[in-house]
C-alpha atoms as a PDB file:
ATOM      1  CA  MET A   1      14.641 -22.091  -8.960  1.00  0.00           C
ATOM      2  CA  ILE A   2      13.381 -20.038 -12.004  1.00  0.00           C
ATOM      3  CA  LEU A   3      10.980 -17.282 -11.677  1.00  0.00           C
ATOM      4  CA  ASN A   4       8.877 -15.285 -13.878  1.00  0.00           C
ATOM      5  CA  SER A   5      10.275 -11.488 -13.917  1.00  0.00           C
ATOM      6  CA  LEU A   6       6.587 -10.391 -13.059  1.00  0.00           C
ATOM      7  CA  SER A   7       5.886 -12.927  -9.902  1.00  0.00           C
ATOM      8  CA  LEU A   8       6.542 -12.082  -6.692  1.00  0.00           C
ATOM      9  CA  CYS A   9       9.228 -14.144  -4.538  1.00  0.00           C
ATOM     10  CA  TYR A  10       8.301 -14.978  -1.079  1.00  0.00           C
ATOM     11  CA  HIS A  11      11.475 -17.286  -0.467  1.00  0.00           C
ATOM     12  CA  ASN A  12      13.568 -15.961   2.347  1.00  0.00           C
ATOM     13  CA  LYS A  13      11.306 -12.647   2.738  1.00  0.00           C
ATOM     14  CA  LEU A  14      10.280 -10.694   5.776  1.00  0.00           C
ATOM     15  CA  ILE A  15       6.683  -9.840   4.917  1.00  0.00           C
ATOM     16  CA  LEU A  16       4.398  -7.681   6.837  1.00  0.00           C
ATOM     17  CA  ALA A  17       0.617  -8.350   6.494  1.00  0.00           C
ATOM     18  CA  PRO A  18      -1.292  -6.291   9.028  1.00  0.00           C
ATOM     19  CA  MET A  19      -4.149  -6.554  11.113  1.00  0.00           C
ATOM     20  CA  VAL A  20      -7.388  -3.893  10.632  1.00  0.00           C
ATOM     21  CA  ARG A  21      -6.325  -0.413  10.920  1.00  0.00           C
ATOM     22  CA  VAL A  22      -2.485  -1.054  10.944  1.00  0.00           C
ATOM     23  CA  GLY A  23      -1.645  -0.909   7.329  1.00  0.00           C
ATOM     24  CA  THR A  24      -1.548   2.453   7.105  1.00  0.00           C
ATOM     25  CA  LEU A  25       0.835   4.002   5.057  1.00  0.00           C
ATOM     26  CA  PRO A  26       3.221   5.289   7.807  1.00  0.00           C
ATOM     27  CA  MET A  27       3.036   2.019   8.996  1.00  0.00           C
ATOM     28  CA  ARG A  28       3.832   0.327   6.093  1.00  0.00           C
ATOM     29  CA  LEU A  29       6.826   2.827   5.678  1.00  0.00           C
ATOM     30  CA  LEU A  30       8.103   2.019   8.887  1.00  0.00           C
ATOM     31  CA  ALA A  31       8.187  -1.981   8.380  1.00  0.00           C
ATOM     32  CA  LEU A  32      10.145  -1.177   5.037  1.00  0.00           C
ATOM     33  CA  ASP A  33      12.386   1.398   6.955  1.00  0.00           C
ATOM     34  CA  TYR A  34      13.013  -1.998   9.953  1.00  0.00           C
ATOM     35  CA  GLY A  35      13.682  -4.317   7.376  1.00  0.00           C
ATOM     36  CA  ALA A  36      10.505  -5.665   5.597  1.00  0.00           C
ATOM     37  CA  ASP A  37      10.783  -6.914   2.305  1.00  0.00           C
ATOM     38  CA  ILE A  38       7.176  -6.910   1.536  1.00  0.00           C
ATOM     39  CA  VAL A  39       3.957  -5.072   2.936  1.00  0.00           C
ATOM     40  CA  TYR A  40       0.511  -5.364   2.389  1.00  0.00           C
ATOM     41  CA  CYS A  41      -2.332  -2.748   2.984  1.00  0.00           C
ATOM     42  CA  GLU A  42      -5.443  -2.973   4.725  1.00  0.00           C
ATOM     43  CA  GLU A  43      -8.244  -5.171   2.864  1.00  0.00           C
ATOM     44  CA  LEU A  44      -9.620  -2.973   0.118  1.00  0.00           C
ATOM     45  CA  ILE A  45     -13.037  -3.483  -1.158  1.00  0.00           C
ATOM     46  CA  ASP A  46     -13.079  -2.740  -4.570  1.00  0.00           C
ATOM     47  CA  LEU A  47     -16.706  -1.371  -4.771  1.00  0.00           C
ATOM     48  CA  LYS A  48     -15.267   1.870  -3.145  1.00  0.00           C
ATOM     49  CA  MET A  49     -11.936   1.830  -4.923  1.00  0.00           C
ATOM     50  CA  ILE A  50     -14.162   2.290  -8.260  1.00  0.00           C
ATOM     51  CA  GLN A  51     -15.724   5.188  -6.756  1.00  0.00           C
ATOM     52  CA  CYS A  52     -12.719   7.230  -5.816  1.00  0.00           C
ATOM     53  CA  LYS A  53     -10.971   9.582  -7.487  1.00  0.00           C
ATOM     54  CA  ARG A  54      -7.323   9.302  -8.201  1.00  0.00           C
ATOM     55  CA  VAL A  55      -5.745  12.685  -6.578  1.00  0.00           C
ATOM     56  CA  VAL A  56      -1.496  13.142  -6.461  1.00  0.00           C
ATOM     57  CA  ASN A  57      -0.923  15.076  -3.029  1.00  0.00           C
ATOM     58  CA  GLU A  58       2.122  17.259  -3.829  1.00  0.00           C
ATOM     59  CA  VAL A  59       2.344  18.112  -0.332  1.00  0.00           C
ATOM     60  CA  LEU A  60       3.049  14.603   1.015  1.00  0.00           C
ATOM     61  CA  SER A  61       4.305  13.232  -2.383  1.00  0.00           C
ATOM     62  CA  THR A  62       1.548  10.553  -2.056  1.00  0.00           C
ATOM     63  CA  VAL A  63      -1.408   9.068  -4.548  1.00  0.00           C
ATOM     64  CA  ASP A  64      -4.391   9.340  -2.606  1.00  0.00           C
ATOM     65  CA  PHE A  65      -7.657   7.507  -3.606  1.00  0.00           C
ATOM     66  CA  VAL A  66     -10.490   9.903  -2.386  1.00  0.00           C
ATOM     67  CA  ALA A  67     -14.341   9.067  -1.723  1.00  0.00           C
ATOM     68  CA  PRO A  68     -16.942  11.192  -2.859  1.00  0.00           C
ATOM     69  CA  ASP A  69     -17.168  12.253   0.662  1.00  0.00           C
ATOM     70  CA  ASP A  70     -13.608  13.337   0.993  1.00  0.00           C
ATOM     71  CA  ARG A  71     -12.372  10.490   2.610  1.00  0.00           C
ATOM     72  CA  VAL A  72      -9.322   9.257   1.971  1.00  0.00           C
ATOM     73  CA  VAL A  73      -9.467   5.298   1.431  1.00  0.00           C
ATOM     74  CA  PHE A  74      -6.023   4.500   0.384  1.00  0.00           C
ATOM     75  CA  ARG A  75      -2.564   6.379   0.103  1.00  0.00           C
ATOM     76  CA  THR A  76       0.569   5.422  -1.358  1.00  0.00           C
ATOM     77  CA  CYS A  77       3.682   6.615  -2.474  1.00  0.00           C
ATOM     78  CA  GLU A  78       6.510   5.731  -4.886  1.00  0.00           C
ATOM     79  CA  ARG A  79       8.831   4.021  -1.775  1.00  0.00           C
ATOM     80  CA  GLU A  80       6.155   1.180  -1.681  1.00  0.00           C
ATOM     81  CA  GLN A  81       6.973   0.286  -5.187  1.00  0.00           C
END
């Protein structure tokens, strides 16, 4: 099977596709620690993401997408790559 180097191969992969409110960063990292090959976050609404400010959180070593009301809409870290 020849794959494009930019494509994601699902063959023989353990994938976590969480339900609502279970796709937070700590849960995704735990899934990776316990052997998941691919993890997904909860559904993101593009309009909310466009309104967010990208903030590097030095304390947690994360990248946060913060809404105008100071609520973190999405959080990720380098381990998820």
